[in-house]
N, C-alpha and C. Protein backbone atom coordinates (compact mmCIF):
# COMPACT_ATOMS: atom_id res chain seq x y z
N UNK A 1 78.39 109.16 127.03
CA UNK A 1 79.57 108.60 127.67
C UNK A 1 79.82 109.37 128.96
N UNK A 2 79.93 108.69 130.06
CA UNK A 2 80.14 109.36 131.35
C UNK A 2 81.62 109.69 131.53
N UNK A 3 81.92 110.79 132.26
CA UNK A 3 83.32 111.15 132.47
C UNK A 3 84.04 110.11 133.31
N UNK A 4 85.35 110.06 133.16
CA UNK A 4 86.17 109.14 133.94
C UNK A 4 86.00 109.48 135.41
N UNK A 5 85.85 108.47 136.26
CA UNK A 5 85.59 108.76 137.68
C UNK A 5 86.71 109.56 138.36
N UNK A 6 87.94 109.46 137.85
CA UNK A 6 89.05 110.20 138.46
C UNK A 6 89.25 111.59 137.86
N UNK A 7 88.45 111.93 136.82
CA UNK A 7 88.62 113.24 136.15
C UNK A 7 88.10 114.35 137.05
N UNK A 8 88.83 115.47 137.12
CA UNK A 8 88.34 116.60 137.94
C UNK A 8 87.09 117.19 137.30
N UNK A 9 86.19 117.74 138.10
CA UNK A 9 84.96 118.31 137.53
C UNK A 9 85.28 119.52 136.65
N UNK A 10 84.47 119.71 135.62
CA UNK A 10 84.66 120.86 134.73
C UNK A 10 84.35 122.13 135.50
N UNK A 11 85.16 123.17 135.31
CA UNK A 11 84.88 124.43 136.02
C UNK A 11 83.62 125.08 135.45
N UNK A 12 82.92 125.82 136.28
CA UNK A 12 81.73 126.52 135.82
C UNK A 12 82.14 127.78 135.07
N UNK A 13 81.23 128.29 134.27
CA UNK A 13 81.48 129.55 133.56
C UNK A 13 81.78 130.67 134.54
N UNK A 14 81.02 130.72 135.64
CA UNK A 14 81.26 131.76 136.65
C UNK A 14 82.67 131.67 137.21
N UNK A 15 83.11 130.46 137.50
CA UNK A 15 84.45 130.27 138.06
C UNK A 15 85.51 130.73 137.07
N UNK A 16 85.32 130.41 135.79
CA UNK A 16 86.28 130.83 134.76
C UNK A 16 86.33 132.35 134.66
N UNK A 17 85.16 132.99 134.69
CA UNK A 17 85.10 134.45 134.58
C UNK A 17 85.74 135.12 135.79
N UNK A 18 85.46 134.58 136.99
CA UNK A 18 86.06 135.17 138.20
C UNK A 18 87.58 135.02 138.18
N UNK A 19 88.07 133.91 137.66
CA UNK A 19 89.52 133.71 137.56
C UNK A 19 90.13 134.75 136.62
N UNK A 20 89.46 134.99 135.50
CA UNK A 20 89.95 135.97 134.53
C UNK A 20 89.92 137.38 135.13
N UNK A 21 88.83 137.72 135.83
CA UNK A 21 88.73 139.04 136.45
C UNK A 21 89.80 139.24 137.52
N UNK A 22 90.07 138.20 138.29
CA UNK A 22 91.13 138.29 139.30
C UNK A 22 92.49 138.51 138.66
N UNK A 23 92.73 137.82 137.55
CA UNK A 23 94.00 137.99 136.84
C UNK A 23 94.13 139.43 136.32
N UNK A 24 93.03 139.98 135.78
CA UNK A 24 93.06 141.37 135.31
C UNK A 24 93.34 142.32 136.46
N UNK A 25 92.75 142.05 137.62
CA UNK A 25 92.97 142.89 138.79
C UNK A 25 94.42 142.85 139.24
N UNK A 26 95.01 141.66 139.27
CA UNK A 26 96.42 141.53 139.69
C UNK A 26 97.36 142.22 138.71
N UNK A 27 96.98 142.24 137.43
CA UNK A 27 97.81 142.90 136.42
C UNK A 27 97.47 144.39 136.30
N UNK A 28 96.61 144.87 137.19
CA UNK A 28 96.17 146.27 137.20
C UNK A 28 95.54 146.67 135.87
N UNK A 29 94.80 145.72 135.26
CA UNK A 29 94.10 145.97 134.01
C UNK A 29 92.59 145.95 134.18
N UNK A 30 92.14 145.74 135.42
CA UNK A 30 90.70 145.71 135.68
C UNK A 30 90.17 147.13 135.65
N UNK A 31 89.15 147.35 134.83
CA UNK A 31 88.62 148.71 134.68
C UNK A 31 87.20 148.77 135.20
N UNK A 32 86.85 149.93 135.74
CA UNK A 32 85.49 150.18 136.19
C UNK A 32 84.98 151.43 135.50
N UNK A 33 83.67 151.52 135.35
CA UNK A 33 83.09 152.65 134.66
C UNK A 33 83.17 153.90 135.53
N UNK A 34 83.78 154.96 135.00
CA UNK A 34 83.83 156.21 135.77
C UNK A 34 82.49 156.94 135.65
N UNK A 35 82.22 157.81 136.59
CA UNK A 35 81.00 158.61 136.53
C UNK A 35 81.37 160.06 136.82
N UNK A 36 81.69 160.79 135.74
CA UNK A 36 82.11 162.17 135.89
C UNK A 36 81.01 163.16 135.52
N UNK A 37 79.92 162.67 134.93
CA UNK A 37 78.90 163.55 134.36
C UNK A 37 78.38 164.60 135.32
N UNK A 38 78.44 165.85 134.88
CA UNK A 38 77.83 166.93 135.63
C UNK A 38 78.58 167.39 136.85
N UNK A 39 79.78 166.86 137.12
CA UNK A 39 80.53 167.29 138.30
C UNK A 39 81.13 168.66 138.05
N UNK A 40 80.83 169.60 138.92
CA UNK A 40 81.35 170.95 138.74
C UNK A 40 82.83 171.01 139.10
N UNK A 41 83.50 171.97 138.52
CA UNK A 41 84.92 172.16 138.81
C UNK A 41 85.84 171.23 138.06
N UNK A 42 85.29 170.40 137.17
CA UNK A 42 86.13 169.47 136.42
C UNK A 42 86.12 169.86 134.94
N UNK A 43 87.26 169.69 134.30
CA UNK A 43 87.37 169.90 132.86
C UNK A 43 87.54 168.53 132.23
N UNK A 44 86.64 168.19 131.30
CA UNK A 44 86.62 166.86 130.70
C UNK A 44 87.27 166.90 129.33
N UNK A 45 88.40 166.22 129.19
CA UNK A 45 89.10 166.14 127.91
C UNK A 45 88.90 164.77 127.24
N UNK A 46 87.99 163.96 127.76
CA UNK A 46 87.85 162.61 127.23
C UNK A 46 86.52 162.34 126.55
N UNK A 47 85.56 163.26 126.64
CA UNK A 47 84.25 162.98 126.05
C UNK A 47 84.15 163.55 124.64
N UNK A 48 83.00 163.28 124.01
CA UNK A 48 82.72 163.83 122.68
C UNK A 48 81.88 165.10 122.76
N UNK A 49 81.64 165.59 123.96
CA UNK A 49 80.82 166.79 124.15
C UNK A 49 81.71 168.03 124.02
N UNK A 50 82.32 168.20 122.84
CA UNK A 50 83.32 169.24 122.63
C UNK A 50 82.78 170.64 122.90
N UNK A 51 81.52 170.87 122.58
CA UNK A 51 80.95 172.20 122.72
C UNK A 51 80.18 172.38 124.02
N UNK A 52 80.18 171.38 124.86
CA UNK A 52 79.50 171.50 126.14
C UNK A 52 77.99 171.61 126.03
N UNK A 53 77.41 171.00 125.00
CA UNK A 53 75.97 171.14 124.78
C UNK A 53 75.13 170.15 125.59
N UNK A 54 75.74 169.11 126.13
CA UNK A 54 74.97 168.08 126.82
C UNK A 54 74.20 168.63 128.01
N UNK A 55 74.71 169.68 128.64
CA UNK A 55 74.05 170.28 129.80
C UNK A 55 73.57 171.70 129.52
N UNK A 56 73.51 172.08 128.25
CA UNK A 56 73.05 173.43 127.91
C UNK A 56 71.54 173.52 128.13
N UNK A 57 71.06 174.56 128.83
CA UNK A 57 69.63 174.64 129.16
C UNK A 57 68.71 174.59 127.94
N UNK A 58 69.09 175.21 126.84
CA UNK A 58 68.22 175.20 125.65
C UNK A 58 68.15 173.81 125.03
N UNK A 59 69.26 173.09 125.04
CA UNK A 59 69.27 171.73 124.50
C UNK A 59 68.42 170.81 125.38
N UNK A 60 68.55 170.96 126.68
CA UNK A 60 67.74 170.15 127.60
C UNK A 60 66.26 170.45 127.41
N UNK A 61 65.91 171.73 127.30
CA UNK A 61 64.50 172.10 127.09
C UNK A 61 63.96 171.54 125.79
N UNK A 62 64.77 171.59 124.71
CA UNK A 62 64.34 171.04 123.43
C UNK A 62 64.14 169.53 123.54
N UNK A 63 65.00 168.86 124.27
CA UNK A 63 64.85 167.42 124.48
C UNK A 63 63.59 167.09 125.25
N UNK A 64 63.27 167.89 126.25
CA UNK A 64 62.04 167.68 127.02
C UNK A 64 60.81 167.87 126.14
N UNK A 65 60.82 168.91 125.32
CA UNK A 65 59.70 169.16 124.41
C UNK A 65 59.52 168.00 123.44
N UNK A 66 60.63 167.51 122.89
CA UNK A 66 60.57 166.39 121.94
C UNK A 66 60.05 165.13 122.63
N UNK A 67 60.47 164.90 123.87
CA UNK A 67 60.00 163.71 124.59
C UNK A 67 58.50 163.78 124.83
N UNK A 68 57.99 164.97 125.14
CA UNK A 68 56.54 165.12 125.34
C UNK A 68 55.78 164.88 124.03
N UNK A 69 56.36 165.34 122.91
CA UNK A 69 55.66 165.22 121.63
C UNK A 69 55.79 163.83 121.01
N UNK A 70 57.01 163.25 121.08
CA UNK A 70 57.27 162.01 120.35
C UNK A 70 57.46 160.79 121.25
N UNK A 71 57.50 160.99 122.57
CA UNK A 71 57.75 159.88 123.48
C UNK A 71 59.23 159.76 123.80
N UNK A 72 59.55 158.79 124.65
CA UNK A 72 60.92 158.66 125.15
C UNK A 72 61.80 157.77 124.27
N UNK A 73 61.26 157.23 123.19
CA UNK A 73 62.06 156.39 122.32
C UNK A 73 61.37 156.16 121.00
N UNK A 74 62.13 155.73 120.02
CA UNK A 74 61.57 155.52 118.68
C UNK A 74 60.71 154.26 118.59
N UNK A 75 60.87 153.34 119.53
CA UNK A 75 60.11 152.08 119.64
C UNK A 75 60.46 151.02 118.62
N UNK A 76 61.37 151.30 117.73
CA UNK A 76 61.76 150.29 116.75
C UNK A 76 62.67 150.89 115.71
N UNK A 77 63.14 150.06 114.79
CA UNK A 77 63.99 150.56 113.71
C UNK A 77 63.17 151.46 112.80
N UNK A 78 63.85 152.34 112.08
CA UNK A 78 63.14 153.28 111.22
C UNK A 78 62.40 152.58 110.09
N UNK A 79 62.91 151.45 109.65
CA UNK A 79 62.25 150.73 108.56
C UNK A 79 60.96 150.06 109.01
N UNK A 80 60.79 149.85 110.30
CA UNK A 80 59.59 149.19 110.79
C UNK A 80 58.61 150.19 111.40
N UNK A 81 58.93 150.67 112.61
CA UNK A 81 57.97 151.54 113.29
C UNK A 81 58.61 152.76 113.92
N UNK A 82 59.90 152.96 113.71
CA UNK A 82 60.60 154.00 114.45
C UNK A 82 60.96 155.25 113.68
N UNK A 83 60.37 155.45 112.50
CA UNK A 83 60.67 156.68 111.76
C UNK A 83 59.78 157.80 112.27
N UNK A 84 60.38 158.86 112.77
CA UNK A 84 59.63 159.99 113.33
C UNK A 84 59.84 161.22 112.47
N UNK A 85 58.85 162.08 112.45
CA UNK A 85 58.95 163.30 111.63
C UNK A 85 60.10 164.19 112.07
N UNK A 86 60.46 164.15 113.36
CA UNK A 86 61.58 164.97 113.83
C UNK A 86 62.91 164.48 113.23
N UNK A 87 63.03 163.16 112.99
CA UNK A 87 64.24 162.64 112.34
C UNK A 87 64.34 163.18 110.91
N UNK A 88 63.24 163.11 110.20
CA UNK A 88 63.24 163.59 108.81
C UNK A 88 63.49 165.09 108.75
N UNK A 89 62.94 165.85 109.70
CA UNK A 89 63.16 167.30 109.74
C UNK A 89 64.64 167.60 109.96
N UNK A 90 65.28 166.88 110.88
CA UNK A 90 66.71 167.07 111.14
C UNK A 90 67.53 166.76 109.89
N UNK A 91 67.22 165.64 109.23
CA UNK A 91 67.97 165.26 108.04
C UNK A 91 67.77 166.26 106.91
N UNK A 92 66.57 166.82 106.79
CA UNK A 92 66.33 167.86 105.78
C UNK A 92 67.15 169.11 106.09
N UNK A 93 67.23 169.49 107.36
CA UNK A 93 68.04 170.65 107.75
C UNK A 93 69.52 170.41 107.45
N UNK A 94 70.00 169.21 107.77
CA UNK A 94 71.41 168.88 107.50
C UNK A 94 71.67 168.94 105.99
N UNK A 95 70.79 168.38 105.20
CA UNK A 95 70.97 168.38 103.74
C UNK A 95 70.99 169.80 103.19
N UNK A 96 70.09 170.65 103.68
CA UNK A 96 70.08 172.04 103.23
C UNK A 96 71.37 172.76 103.63
N UNK A 97 71.81 172.53 104.88
CA UNK A 97 73.04 173.17 105.36
C UNK A 97 74.26 172.73 104.54
N UNK A 98 74.29 171.44 104.18
CA UNK A 98 75.43 170.89 103.43
C UNK A 98 75.28 171.07 101.93
N UNK A 99 74.09 171.53 101.47
CA UNK A 99 73.87 171.70 100.04
C UNK A 99 73.82 170.38 99.29
N UNK A 100 73.25 169.36 99.92
CA UNK A 100 73.16 168.03 99.31
C UNK A 100 71.70 167.66 99.08
N UNK A 101 71.50 166.64 98.25
CA UNK A 101 70.15 166.18 97.93
C UNK A 101 69.46 165.59 99.15
N UNK A 102 70.21 164.89 99.99
CA UNK A 102 69.64 164.24 101.17
C UNK A 102 70.73 164.04 102.21
N UNK A 103 70.31 163.69 103.40
CA UNK A 103 71.24 163.38 104.49
C UNK A 103 70.65 162.24 105.31
N UNK A 104 71.51 161.52 105.98
CA UNK A 104 71.09 160.43 106.85
C UNK A 104 71.82 160.59 108.18
N UNK A 105 71.07 160.67 109.27
CA UNK A 105 71.64 160.88 110.59
C UNK A 105 71.68 159.56 111.35
N UNK A 106 72.81 159.28 111.99
CA UNK A 106 72.98 158.09 112.82
C UNK A 106 73.08 158.52 114.27
N UNK A 107 72.85 157.58 115.17
CA UNK A 107 72.85 157.92 116.59
C UNK A 107 74.25 157.99 117.19
N UNK A 108 75.25 157.50 116.48
CA UNK A 108 76.63 157.57 116.99
C UNK A 108 77.60 157.52 115.81
N UNK A 109 78.81 157.99 116.07
CA UNK A 109 79.86 157.91 115.05
C UNK A 109 80.20 156.47 114.70
N UNK A 110 80.20 155.59 115.71
CA UNK A 110 80.48 154.18 115.46
C UNK A 110 79.47 153.61 114.48
N UNK A 111 78.20 153.91 114.72
CA UNK A 111 77.14 153.39 113.85
C UNK A 111 77.26 153.96 112.44
N UNK A 112 77.57 155.25 112.35
CA UNK A 112 77.72 155.87 111.04
C UNK A 112 78.86 155.21 110.26
N UNK A 113 80.00 155.03 110.93
CA UNK A 113 81.16 154.42 110.26
C UNK A 113 80.84 153.00 109.81
N UNK A 114 80.34 152.18 110.73
CA UNK A 114 80.16 150.77 110.40
C UNK A 114 79.07 150.57 109.36
N UNK A 115 78.02 151.37 109.40
CA UNK A 115 76.91 151.19 108.46
C UNK A 115 77.21 151.76 107.08
N UNK A 116 77.63 153.02 107.04
CA UNK A 116 77.86 153.67 105.75
C UNK A 116 79.02 153.00 105.00
N UNK A 117 80.11 152.71 105.69
CA UNK A 117 81.25 152.10 105.02
C UNK A 117 80.92 150.69 104.55
N UNK A 118 80.18 149.93 105.35
CA UNK A 118 79.79 148.58 104.93
C UNK A 118 79.01 148.63 103.62
N UNK A 119 78.13 149.63 103.49
CA UNK A 119 77.36 149.76 102.24
C UNK A 119 78.28 150.11 101.07
N UNK A 120 79.25 151.00 101.31
CA UNK A 120 80.15 151.42 100.23
C UNK A 120 81.12 150.32 99.80
N UNK A 121 81.39 149.38 100.69
CA UNK A 121 82.33 148.29 100.38
C UNK A 121 81.66 147.11 99.70
N UNK A 122 80.35 147.13 99.60
CA UNK A 122 79.62 145.98 99.06
C UNK A 122 80.02 145.69 97.61
N UNK A 123 80.21 144.42 97.32
CA UNK A 123 80.53 144.04 95.94
C UNK A 123 79.36 144.33 95.01
N UNK A 124 78.15 144.46 95.56
CA UNK A 124 76.99 144.85 94.74
C UNK A 124 77.18 146.25 94.18
N UNK A 125 77.83 147.11 94.92
CA UNK A 125 78.09 148.48 94.46
C UNK A 125 79.11 148.46 93.33
N UNK A 126 80.17 147.68 93.50
CA UNK A 126 81.30 147.69 92.56
C UNK A 126 81.15 146.68 91.42
N UNK A 127 80.28 145.70 91.60
CA UNK A 127 80.14 144.65 90.60
C UNK A 127 81.15 143.54 90.76
N UNK A 128 82.06 143.71 91.71
CA UNK A 128 83.07 142.70 92.03
C UNK A 128 83.59 143.01 93.42
N UNK A 129 84.30 142.06 94.01
CA UNK A 129 84.85 142.29 95.34
C UNK A 129 86.01 143.28 95.25
N UNK A 130 85.93 144.41 95.96
CA UNK A 130 87.03 145.37 95.91
C UNK A 130 88.20 144.92 96.78
N UNK A 131 89.38 145.42 96.45
CA UNK A 131 90.53 145.25 97.33
C UNK A 131 90.43 146.33 98.40
N UNK A 132 90.46 145.93 99.66
CA UNK A 132 90.31 146.89 100.77
C UNK A 132 91.59 146.88 101.59
N UNK A 133 92.27 148.01 101.59
CA UNK A 133 93.52 148.16 102.33
C UNK A 133 93.26 149.07 103.53
N UNK A 134 93.61 148.59 104.71
CA UNK A 134 93.32 149.35 105.93
C UNK A 134 94.58 149.57 106.76
N UNK A 135 94.70 150.77 107.29
CA UNK A 135 95.74 151.05 108.28
C UNK A 135 95.48 150.17 109.50
N UNK A 136 96.51 149.61 110.05
CA UNK A 136 96.34 148.68 111.17
C UNK A 136 95.65 149.32 112.37
N UNK A 137 95.75 150.63 112.52
CA UNK A 137 95.23 151.29 113.72
C UNK A 137 93.94 152.06 113.49
N UNK A 138 93.21 151.76 112.40
CA UNK A 138 91.93 152.45 112.22
C UNK A 138 90.98 152.05 113.34
N UNK A 139 89.96 152.86 113.52
CA UNK A 139 88.99 152.65 114.59
C UNK A 139 88.27 151.32 114.42
N UNK A 140 87.87 150.73 115.53
CA UNK A 140 87.18 149.44 115.51
C UNK A 140 85.92 149.47 114.65
N UNK A 141 85.26 150.62 114.58
CA UNK A 141 84.04 150.73 113.78
C UNK A 141 84.33 150.49 112.30
N UNK A 142 85.51 150.87 111.84
CA UNK A 142 85.88 150.69 110.44
C UNK A 142 86.23 149.23 110.15
N UNK A 143 86.91 148.57 111.10
CA UNK A 143 87.15 147.13 110.96
C UNK A 143 85.81 146.39 110.95
N UNK A 144 84.89 146.83 111.80
CA UNK A 144 83.56 146.21 111.86
C UNK A 144 82.83 146.36 110.53
N UNK A 145 82.96 147.52 109.90
CA UNK A 145 82.33 147.74 108.59
C UNK A 145 82.85 146.74 107.56
N UNK A 146 84.15 146.50 107.57
CA UNK A 146 84.73 145.53 106.63
C UNK A 146 84.16 144.14 106.89
N UNK A 147 84.01 143.81 108.16
CA UNK A 147 83.45 142.51 108.52
C UNK A 147 82.00 142.41 108.06
N UNK A 148 81.22 143.47 108.26
CA UNK A 148 79.82 143.47 107.84
C UNK A 148 79.69 143.31 106.32
N UNK A 149 80.62 143.95 105.59
CA UNK A 149 80.57 143.88 104.13
C UNK A 149 81.09 142.55 103.60
N UNK A 150 81.74 141.77 104.46
CA UNK A 150 82.27 140.48 104.03
C UNK A 150 83.52 140.59 103.18
N UNK A 151 84.26 141.69 103.35
CA UNK A 151 85.49 141.86 102.57
C UNK A 151 86.70 141.48 103.42
N UNK A 152 87.72 141.01 102.74
CA UNK A 152 88.97 140.69 103.42
C UNK A 152 89.84 141.94 103.42
N UNK A 153 90.36 142.27 104.59
CA UNK A 153 91.23 143.44 104.70
C UNK A 153 92.68 143.04 104.45
N UNK A 154 93.37 143.91 103.71
CA UNK A 154 94.83 143.83 103.65
C UNK A 154 95.32 144.98 104.51
N UNK A 155 95.93 144.67 105.63
CA UNK A 155 96.32 145.71 106.58
C UNK A 155 97.77 146.12 106.33
N UNK A 156 97.95 147.44 106.27
CA UNK A 156 99.30 147.95 106.10
C UNK A 156 99.78 148.60 107.40
N UNK A 157 101.09 148.69 107.54
CA UNK A 157 101.69 149.24 108.76
C UNK A 157 101.19 150.67 108.99
N UNK A 158 101.02 151.01 110.24
CA UNK A 158 100.41 152.29 110.61
C UNK A 158 101.14 153.48 110.00
N UNK A 159 100.37 154.28 109.25
CA UNK A 159 100.87 155.51 108.61
C UNK A 159 102.09 155.28 107.72
N UNK A 160 102.23 154.06 107.21
CA UNK A 160 103.38 153.73 106.37
C UNK A 160 102.90 153.65 104.91
N UNK A 161 103.05 154.77 104.19
CA UNK A 161 102.56 154.83 102.81
C UNK A 161 103.40 153.99 101.86
N UNK A 162 104.67 153.77 102.20
CA UNK A 162 105.49 152.88 101.38
C UNK A 162 104.97 151.44 101.46
N UNK A 163 104.61 151.02 102.67
CA UNK A 163 104.05 149.68 102.83
C UNK A 163 102.70 149.58 102.14
N UNK A 164 101.90 150.65 102.21
CA UNK A 164 100.62 150.67 101.50
C UNK A 164 100.84 150.47 100.00
N UNK A 165 101.81 151.17 99.44
CA UNK A 165 102.08 151.05 98.00
C UNK A 165 102.51 149.62 97.65
N UNK A 166 103.34 149.02 98.50
CA UNK A 166 103.75 147.63 98.27
C UNK A 166 102.54 146.69 98.28
N UNK A 167 101.63 146.92 99.25
CA UNK A 167 100.43 146.08 99.34
C UNK A 167 99.55 146.24 98.11
N UNK A 168 99.43 147.47 97.63
CA UNK A 168 98.64 147.71 96.41
C UNK A 168 99.22 146.93 95.24
N UNK A 169 100.52 147.03 95.07
CA UNK A 169 101.18 146.34 93.94
C UNK A 169 101.08 144.82 94.08
N UNK A 170 101.15 144.33 95.30
CA UNK A 170 101.16 142.89 95.52
C UNK A 170 99.76 142.28 95.39
N UNK A 171 98.73 142.98 95.84
CA UNK A 171 97.42 142.36 95.95
C UNK A 171 96.40 142.79 94.90
N UNK A 172 96.62 143.89 94.23
CA UNK A 172 95.59 144.39 93.31
C UNK A 172 95.62 143.64 91.98
N UNK A 173 94.44 143.20 91.55
CA UNK A 173 94.30 142.54 90.25
C UNK A 173 93.94 143.59 89.21
N UNK A 174 94.26 143.38 87.93
CA UNK A 174 93.93 144.35 86.90
C UNK A 174 92.43 144.66 86.87
N UNK A 175 92.11 145.94 86.88
CA UNK A 175 90.71 146.38 86.82
C UNK A 175 89.96 146.29 88.13
N UNK A 176 90.61 145.81 89.18
CA UNK A 176 89.93 145.66 90.46
C UNK A 176 89.86 147.00 91.19
N UNK A 177 88.66 147.38 91.67
CA UNK A 177 88.59 148.60 92.48
C UNK A 177 89.36 148.41 93.77
N UNK A 178 90.07 149.44 94.20
CA UNK A 178 90.85 149.38 95.44
C UNK A 178 90.45 150.55 96.32
N UNK A 179 90.20 150.27 97.58
CA UNK A 179 89.83 151.30 98.54
C UNK A 179 90.82 151.29 99.69
N UNK A 180 91.28 152.47 100.07
CA UNK A 180 92.20 152.63 101.20
C UNK A 180 91.41 153.26 102.34
N UNK A 181 91.42 152.60 103.48
CA UNK A 181 90.70 153.09 104.65
C UNK A 181 91.71 153.46 105.73
N UNK A 182 91.70 154.74 106.09
CA UNK A 182 92.61 155.23 107.12
C UNK A 182 91.92 156.39 107.81
N UNK A 183 92.63 157.12 108.63
CA UNK A 183 92.08 158.27 109.34
C UNK A 183 93.01 159.46 109.15
N UNK A 184 92.44 160.65 109.19
CA UNK A 184 93.29 161.84 109.08
C UNK A 184 93.99 162.13 110.40
N UNK A 185 93.24 162.03 111.50
CA UNK A 185 93.81 162.15 112.85
C UNK A 185 93.37 160.92 113.62
N UNK A 186 94.33 160.17 114.14
CA UNK A 186 94.02 158.94 114.87
C UNK A 186 93.67 159.30 116.31
N UNK A 187 92.44 158.97 116.69
CA UNK A 187 91.89 159.44 117.95
C UNK A 187 92.61 158.96 119.19
N UNK A 188 93.18 157.78 119.17
CA UNK A 188 93.81 157.25 120.37
C UNK A 188 95.20 157.85 120.61
N UNK A 189 95.94 158.13 119.55
CA UNK A 189 97.31 158.61 119.70
C UNK A 189 97.49 160.05 119.24
N UNK A 190 96.56 160.56 118.43
CA UNK A 190 96.67 161.94 117.97
C UNK A 190 97.60 162.12 116.79
N UNK A 191 98.18 161.04 116.26
CA UNK A 191 99.07 161.21 115.12
C UNK A 191 98.24 161.42 113.85
N UNK A 192 98.87 162.06 112.86
CA UNK A 192 98.16 162.47 111.66
C UNK A 192 98.69 161.78 110.42
N UNK A 193 97.80 161.71 109.43
CA UNK A 193 98.13 161.13 108.14
C UNK A 193 98.57 162.24 107.19
N UNK A 194 99.53 161.96 106.34
CA UNK A 194 99.93 162.90 105.28
C UNK A 194 98.96 162.67 104.12
N UNK A 195 97.87 163.45 104.12
CA UNK A 195 96.79 163.25 103.15
C UNK A 195 97.27 163.49 101.73
N UNK A 196 98.09 164.52 101.54
CA UNK A 196 98.57 164.85 100.18
C UNK A 196 99.41 163.69 99.63
N UNK A 197 100.27 163.11 100.47
CA UNK A 197 101.09 161.98 100.02
C UNK A 197 100.21 160.77 99.73
N UNK A 198 99.20 160.55 100.54
CA UNK A 198 98.28 159.44 100.30
C UNK A 198 97.56 159.61 98.97
N UNK A 199 97.14 160.83 98.66
CA UNK A 199 96.44 161.09 97.39
C UNK A 199 97.35 160.77 96.20
N UNK A 200 98.63 161.08 96.32
CA UNK A 200 99.57 160.75 95.24
C UNK A 200 99.67 159.24 95.07
């Protein structure tokens, strides 16, 4: 069916995106990627390089040695072609340091959260779908884990343990496993959870 001859032409995707970007700019919400890496005389309070190891000469030298020995990338997922002996050596060292049977290292905190939690939330683990209660302000990686696991979240008001208790009473079925997902220190605002009260 052809469009009506008097109908205005449909806007292109580019035009729609440019309109949105202009609106963000006018609202002073348009963001650009900063480039602060390695600038002398600056103190960085926004990165995850808490110990300043990213530019430490010994760390750089170890990275260069590893690149010469193992190449510049794993070339694939660990299950296919990307498992390297240096990964296993690191995980063995971590397990020994922590006094555990084994350890698994991820390339980022986001990946660790979304992958490990998704596995723990699986109904295959519990034998039934667990009730999952989440603080509204948990990190996006934790919400992503719930999505990956296919569980429905019951979100409670931020750091409101009374509301959490109400949600537990309202939504939990007899014998159903219930998991509460929150954070001890919320990274965006710095507010803390009362862990002892949560345990009660």
